PDB file of all heavy atoms in Angstrom:
ATOM      1  N   ILE A   1      -3.584 -12.128  12.696  1.00  0.00           N
ATOM      2  CA  ILE A   1      -3.851 -11.072  11.729  1.00  0.00           C
ATOM      3  C   ILE A   1      -2.620 -10.930  10.845  1.00  0.00           C
ATOM      4  O   ILE A   1      -1.487 -10.972  11.334  1.00  0.00           O
ATOM      5  CB  ILE A   1      -4.198  -9.735  12.430  1.00  0.00           C
ATOM      6  CG1 ILE A   1      -4.466  -8.639  11.390  1.00  0.00           C
ATOM      7  CG2 ILE A   1      -3.124  -9.310  13.403  1.00  0.00           C
ATOM      8  CD1 ILE A   1      -5.029  -7.370  11.990  1.00  0.00           C
ATOM      9  N   VAL A   2      -2.818 -10.815   9.546  1.00  0.00           N
ATOM     10  CA  VAL A   2      -1.707 -10.628   8.606  1.00  0.00           C
ATOM     11  C   VAL A   2      -1.491  -9.139   8.385  1.00  0.00           C
ATOM     12  O   VAL A   2      -2.422  -8.418   8.018  1.00  0.00           O
ATOM     13  CB  VAL A   2      -1.989 -11.321   7.261  1.00  0.00           C
ATOM     14  CG1 VAL A   2      -0.898 -10.985   6.251  1.00  0.00           C
ATOM     15  CG2 VAL A   2      -2.083 -12.829   7.447  1.00  0.00           C
ATOM     16  N   GLN A   3      -0.258  -8.692   8.628  1.00  0.00           N
ATOM     17  CA  GLN A   3       0.106  -7.302   8.362  1.00  0.00           C
ATOM     18  C   GLN A   3       0.895  -7.269   7.057  1.00  0.00           C
ATOM     19  O   GLN A   3       2.075  -7.631   7.013  1.00  0.00           O
ATOM     20  CB  GLN A   3       0.941  -6.738   9.506  1.00  0.00           C
ATOM     21  CG  GLN A   3       1.384  -5.296   9.293  1.00  0.00           C
ATOM     22  CD  GLN A   3       2.324  -4.828  10.380  1.00  0.00           C
ATOM     23  OE1 GLN A   3       2.037  -4.943  11.562  1.00  0.00           O
ATOM     24  NE2 GLN A   3       3.480  -4.294   9.984  1.00  0.00           N
ATOM     25  N   ALA A   4       0.234  -6.885   5.976  1.00  0.00           N
ATOM     26  CA  ALA A   4       0.884  -6.799   4.665  1.00  0.00           C
ATOM     27  C   ALA A   4       1.749  -5.547   4.655  1.00  0.00           C
ATOM     28  O   ALA A   4       1.251  -4.428   4.556  1.00  0.00           O
ATOM     29  CB  ALA A   4      -0.167  -6.757   3.563  1.00  0.00           C
ATOM     30  N   ASN A   5       3.052  -5.748   4.749  1.00  0.00           N
ATOM     31  CA  ASN A   5       3.980  -4.631   4.935  1.00  0.00           C
ATOM     32  C   ASN A   5       4.629  -4.213   3.606  1.00  0.00           C
ATOM     33  O   ASN A   5       4.545  -4.907   2.601  1.00  0.00           O
ATOM     34  CB  ASN A   5       5.065  -5.031   5.940  1.00  0.00           C
ATOM     35  CG  ASN A   5       5.874  -3.850   6.431  1.00  0.00           C
ATOM     36  OD1 ASN A   5       5.356  -2.734   6.543  1.00  0.00           O
ATOM     37  ND2 ASN A   5       7.139  -4.072   6.728  1.00  0.00           N
ATOM     38  N   LYS A   6       5.263  -3.049   3.632  1.00  0.00           N
ATOM     39  CA  LYS A   6       5.978  -2.463   2.497  1.00  0.00           C
ATOM     40  C   LYS A   6       5.036  -2.173   1.328  1.00  0.00           C
ATOM     41  O   LYS A   6       5.395  -2.354   0.157  1.00  0.00           O
ATOM     42  CB  LYS A   6       7.141  -3.375   2.071  1.00  0.00           C
ATOM     43  CG  LYS A   6       8.109  -3.681   3.229  1.00  0.00           C
ATOM     44  CD  LYS A   6       9.329  -4.442   2.792  1.00  0.00           C
ATOM     45  CE  LYS A   6      10.215  -4.761   3.988  1.00  0.00           C
ATOM     46  NZ  LYS A   6      11.458  -5.474   3.612  1.00  0.00           N
ATOM     47  N   ARG A   7       3.851  -1.701   1.673  1.00  0.00           N
ATOM     48  CA  ARG A   7       2.855  -1.398   0.652  1.00  0.00           C
ATOM     49  C   ARG A   7       3.202  -0.138  -0.133  1.00  0.00           C
ATOM     50  O   ARG A   7       2.590   0.145  -1.173  1.00  0.00           O
ATOM     51  CB  ARG A   7       1.468  -1.216   1.296  1.00  0.00           C
ATOM     52  CG  ARG A   7       1.003  -2.400   2.113  1.00  0.00           C
ATOM     53  CD  ARG A   7       0.912  -3.658   1.301  1.00  0.00           C
ATOM     54  NE  ARG A   7      -0.209  -3.620   0.363  1.00  0.00           N
ATOM     55  CZ  ARG A   7      -0.289  -4.364  -0.721  1.00  0.00           C
ATOM     56  NH1 ARG A   7       0.699  -5.177  -1.046  1.00  0.00           N
ATOM     57  NH2 ARG A   7      -1.349  -4.286  -1.511  1.00  0.00           N
ATOM     58  N   ASP A   8       4.200   0.607   0.375  1.00  0.00           N
ATOM     59  CA  ASP A   8       4.601   1.845  -0.285  1.00  0.00           C
ATOM     60  C   ASP A   8       5.492   1.619  -1.497  1.00  0.00           C
ATOM     61  O   ASP A   8       5.686   2.522  -2.317  1.00  0.00           O
ATOM     62  CB  ASP A   8       5.340   2.739   0.717  1.00  0.00           C
ATOM     63  CG  ASP A   8       6.567   2.038   1.304  1.00  0.00           C
ATOM     64  OD1 ASP A   8       6.398   0.904   1.820  1.00  0.00           O
ATOM     65  OD2 ASP A   8       7.670   2.604   1.259  1.00  0.00           O
ATOM     66  N   LEU A   9       6.038   0.412  -1.628  1.00  0.00           N
ATOM     67  CA  LEU A   9       7.026   0.167  -2.675  1.00  0.00           C
ATOM     68  C   LEU A   9       6.363  -0.119  -4.028  1.00  0.00           C
ATOM     69  O   LEU A   9       5.328  -0.789  -4.088  1.00  0.00           O
ATOM     70  CB  LEU A   9       7.921  -1.008  -2.280  1.00  0.00           C
ATOM     71  CG  LEU A   9       8.758  -0.798  -1.013  1.00  0.00           C
ATOM     72  CD1 LEU A   9       9.609  -2.021  -0.728  1.00  0.00           C
ATOM     73  CD2 LEU A   9       9.637   0.442  -1.147  1.00  0.00           C
ATOM     74  N   PRO A  10       6.958   0.387  -5.093  1.00  0.00           N
ATOM     75  CA  PRO A  10       6.406   0.096  -6.427  1.00  0.00           C
ATOM     76  C   PRO A  10       6.493  -1.402  -6.711  1.00  0.00           C
ATOM     77  O   PRO A  10       7.463  -2.067  -6.339  1.00  0.00           O
ATOM     78  CB  PRO A  10       7.308   0.901  -7.366  1.00  0.00           C
ATOM     79  CG  PRO A  10       8.570   1.114  -6.598  1.00  0.00           C
ATOM     80  CD  PRO A  10       8.173   1.219  -5.154  1.00  0.00           C
ATOM     81  N   GLY A  11       5.479  -1.944  -7.317  1.00  0.00           N
ATOM     82  CA  GLY A  11       5.487  -3.371  -7.617  1.00  0.00           C
ATOM     83  C   GLY A  11       4.930  -4.233  -6.512  1.00  0.00           C
ATOM     84  O   GLY A  11       4.946  -5.472  -6.624  1.00  0.00           O
ATOM     85  N   ALA A  12       4.447  -3.616  -5.424  1.00  0.00           N
ATOM     86  CA  ALA A  12       3.862  -4.398  -4.339  1.00  0.00           C
ATOM     87  C   ALA A  12       2.652  -5.171  -4.851  1.00  0.00           C
ATOM     88  O   ALA A  12       1.869  -4.675  -5.659  1.00  0.00           O
ATOM     89  CB  ALA A  12       3.449  -3.475  -3.189  1.00  0.00           C
ATOM     90  N   LEU A  13       2.507  -6.400  -4.369  1.00  0.00           N
ATOM     91  CA  LEU A  13       1.409  -7.237  -4.813  1.00  0.00           C
ATOM     92  C   LEU A  13       0.071  -6.675  -4.345  1.00  0.00           C
ATOM     93  O   LEU A  13      -0.011  -6.012  -3.306  1.00  0.00           O
ATOM     94  CB  LEU A  13       1.576  -8.663  -4.284  1.00  0.00           C
ATOM     95  CG  LEU A  13       2.413  -9.621  -5.149  1.00  0.00           C
ATOM     96  CD1 LEU A  13       3.865  -9.182  -5.186  1.00  0.00           C
ATOM     97  CD2 LEU A  13       2.294 -11.041  -4.615  1.00  0.00           C
ATOM     98  N   SER A  14      -0.974  -6.968  -5.082  1.00  0.00           N
ATOM     99  CA  SER A  14      -2.314  -6.561  -4.673  1.00  0.00           C
ATOM    100  C   SER A  14      -2.772  -7.430  -3.505  1.00  0.00           C
ATOM    101  O   SER A  14      -2.202  -8.501  -3.244  1.00  0.00           O
ATOM    102  CB  SER A  14      -3.299  -6.715  -5.832  1.00  0.00           C
ATOM    103  OG  SER A  14      -3.484  -8.096  -6.135  1.00  0.00           O
ATOM    104  N   ARG A  15      -3.811  -6.991  -2.822  1.00  0.00           N
ATOM    105  CA  ARG A  15      -4.359  -7.777  -1.715  1.00  0.00           C
ATOM    106  C   ARG A  15      -4.790  -9.163  -2.213  1.00  0.00           C
ATOM    107  O   ARG A  15      -4.574 -10.176  -1.534  1.00  0.00           O
ATOM    108  CB  ARG A  15      -5.552  -7.056  -1.091  1.00  0.00           C
ATOM    109  CG  ARG A  15      -5.202  -5.790  -0.333  1.00  0.00           C
ATOM    110  CD  ARG A  15      -6.469  -5.102   0.169  1.00  0.00           C
ATOM    111  NE  ARG A  15      -7.168  -5.927   1.145  1.00  0.00           N
ATOM    112  CZ  ARG A  15      -7.060  -5.780   2.467  1.00  0.00           C
ATOM    113  NH1 ARG A  15      -6.252  -4.845   2.961  1.00  0.00           N
ATOM    114  NH2 ARG A  15      -7.740  -6.547   3.291  1.00  0.00           N
ATOM    115  N   GLU A  16      -5.386  -9.208  -3.388  1.00  0.00           N
ATOM    116  CA  GLU A  16      -5.860 -10.474  -3.937  1.00  0.00           C
ATOM    117  C   GLU A  16      -4.692 -11.423  -4.196  1.00  0.00           C
ATOM    118  O   GLU A  16      -4.769 -12.630  -3.904  1.00  0.00           O
ATOM    119  CB  GLU A  16      -6.643 -10.235  -5.228  1.00  0.00           C
ATOM    120  CG  GLU A  16      -7.968  -9.509  -5.047  1.00  0.00           C
ATOM    121  CD  GLU A  16      -7.810  -8.020  -4.746  1.00  0.00           C
ATOM    122  OE1 GLU A  16      -6.717  -7.453  -5.044  1.00  0.00           O
ATOM    123  OE2 GLU A  16      -8.758  -7.422  -4.208  1.00  0.00           O
ATOM    124  N   GLU A  17      -3.589 -10.893  -4.732  1.00  0.00           N
ATOM    125  CA  GLU A  17      -2.417 -11.723  -5.002  1.00  0.00           C
ATOM    126  C   GLU A  17      -1.810 -12.235  -3.699  1.00  0.00           C
ATOM    127  O   GLU A  17      -1.371 -13.395  -3.613  1.00  0.00           O
ATOM    128  CB  GLU A  17      -1.383 -10.925  -5.798  1.00  0.00           C
ATOM    129  CG  GLU A  17      -1.798 -10.646  -7.236  1.00  0.00           C
ATOM    130  CD  GLU A  17      -0.859  -9.678  -7.926  1.00  0.00           C
ATOM    131  OE1 GLU A  17      -0.412  -8.700  -7.279  1.00  0.00           O
ATOM    132  OE2 GLU A  17      -0.565  -9.896  -9.115  1.00  0.00           O
ATOM    133  N   VAL A  18      -1.775 -11.384  -2.689  1.00  0.00           N
ATOM    134  CA  VAL A  18      -1.250 -11.798  -1.386  1.00  0.00           C
ATOM    135  C   VAL A  18      -2.095 -12.920  -0.811  1.00  0.00           C
ATOM    136  O   VAL A  18      -1.575 -13.938  -0.320  1.00  0.00           O
ATOM    137  CB  VAL A  18      -1.209 -10.602  -0.411  1.00  0.00           C
ATOM    138  CG1 VAL A  18      -0.888 -11.074   1.005  1.00  0.00           C
ATOM    139  CG2 VAL A  18      -0.182  -9.570  -0.876  1.00  0.00           C
ATOM    140  N   GLN A  19      -3.406 -12.785  -0.866  1.00  0.00           N
ATOM    141  CA  GLN A  19      -4.289 -13.800  -0.302  1.00  0.00           C
ATOM    142  C   GLN A  19      -4.185 -15.116  -1.049  1.00  0.00           C
ATOM    143  O   GLN A  19      -4.309 -16.187  -0.453  1.00  0.00           O
ATOM    144  CB  GLN A  19      -5.725 -13.274  -0.290  1.00  0.00           C
ATOM    145  CG  GLN A  19      -5.930 -12.196   0.771  1.00  0.00           C
ATOM    146  CD  GLN A  19      -7.253 -11.473   0.651  1.00  0.00           C
ATOM    147  OE1 GLN A  19      -7.806 -11.328  -0.431  1.00  0.00           O
ATOM    148  NE2 GLN A  19      -7.779 -11.010   1.783  1.00  0.00           N
ATOM    149  N   GLN A  20      -3.905 -15.049  -2.341  1.00  0.00           N
ATOM    150  CA  GLN A  20      -3.712 -16.279  -3.112  1.00  0.00           C
ATOM    151  C   GLN A  20      -2.485 -17.036  -2.611  1.00  0.00           C
ATOM    152  O   GLN A  20      -2.498 -18.265  -2.480  1.00  0.00           O
ATOM    153  CB  GLN A  20      -3.554 -15.958  -4.593  1.00  0.00           C
ATOM    154  CG  GLN A  20      -4.878 -15.631  -5.292  1.00  0.00           C
ATOM    155  CD  GLN A  20      -4.673 -15.334  -6.772  1.00  0.00           C
ATOM    156  OE1 GLN A  20      -3.535 -15.289  -7.253  1.00  0.00           O
ATOM    157  NE2 GLN A  20      -5.750 -15.125  -7.498  1.00  0.00           N
ATOM    158  N   VAL A  21      -1.415 -16.308  -2.328  1.00  0.00           N
ATOM    159  CA  VAL A  21      -0.185 -16.935  -1.845  1.00  0.00           C
ATOM    160  C   VAL A  21      -0.394 -17.513  -0.450  1.00  0.00           C
ATOM    161  O   VAL A  21       0.088 -18.608  -0.130  1.00  0.00           O
ATOM    162  CB  VAL A  21       0.981 -15.927  -1.842  1.00  0.00           C
ATOM    163  CG1 VAL A  21       2.218 -16.554  -1.204  1.00  0.00           C
ATOM    164  CG2 VAL A  21       1.296 -15.483  -3.260  1.00  0.00           C
ATOM    165  N   LEU A  22      -1.126 -16.801   0.399  1.00  0.00           N
ATOM    166  CA  LEU A  22      -1.361 -17.272   1.757  1.00  0.00           C
ATOM    167  C   LEU A  22      -2.182 -18.555   1.765  1.00  0.00           C
ATOM    168  O   LEU A  22      -2.024 -19.397   2.647  1.00  0.00           O
ATOM    169  CB  LEU A  22      -2.069 -16.186   2.573  1.00  0.00           C
ATOM    170  CG  LEU A  22      -1.246 -14.936   2.858  1.00  0.00           C
ATOM    171  CD1 LEU A  22      -2.111 -13.874   3.521  1.00  0.00           C
ATOM    172  CD2 LEU A  22      -0.049 -15.258   3.740  1.00  0.00           C
ATOM    173  N   GLY A  23      -3.057 -18.715   0.786  1.00  0.00           N
ATOM    174  CA  GLY A  23      -3.797 -19.963   0.633  1.00  0.00           C
ATOM    175  C   GLY A  23      -4.878 -20.174   1.668  1.00  0.00           C
ATOM    176  O   GLY A  23      -5.296 -19.268   2.386  1.00  0.00           O
ATOM    177  N   GLN A  24      -5.329 -21.424   1.751  1.00  0.00           N
ATOM    178  CA  GLN A  24      -6.471 -21.771   2.588  1.00  0.00           C
ATOM    179  C   GLN A  24      -6.195 -21.631   4.081  1.00  0.00           C
ATOM    180  O   GLN A  24      -7.101 -21.383   4.868  1.00  0.00           O
ATOM    181  CB  GLN A  24      -6.916 -23.209   2.285  1.00  0.00           C
ATOM    182  CG  GLN A  24      -7.555 -23.369   0.918  1.00  0.00           C
ATOM    183  CD  GLN A  24      -8.772 -22.465   0.758  1.00  0.00           C
ATOM    184  OE1 GLN A  24      -9.660 -22.448   1.607  1.00  0.00           O
ATOM    185  NE2 GLN A  24      -8.803 -21.712  -0.330  1.00  0.00           N
ATOM    186  N   ASP A  25      -4.935 -21.808   4.483  1.00  0.00           N
ATOM    187  CA  ASP A  25      -4.611 -21.711   5.910  1.00  0.00           C
ATOM    188  C   ASP A  25      -5.012 -20.358   6.489  1.00  0.00           C
ATOM    189  O   ASP A  25      -5.467 -20.264   7.629  1.00  0.00           O
ATOM    190  CB  ASP A  25      -3.108 -21.925   6.138  1.00  0.00           C
ATOM    191  CG  ASP A  25      -2.699 -23.372   5.919  1.00  0.00           C
ATOM    192  OD1 ASP A  25      -3.555 -24.253   6.092  1.00  0.00           O
ATOM    193  OD2 ASP A  25      -1.534 -23.610   5.575  1.00  0.00           O
TER     194      ASP A  25
END
């Protein structure tokens, strides 16, 4: 499970942007 951390900070990436970076794996 991926825990997308530091979501409170300004400029945090969107969920979609994070998933793009994580890729197919």
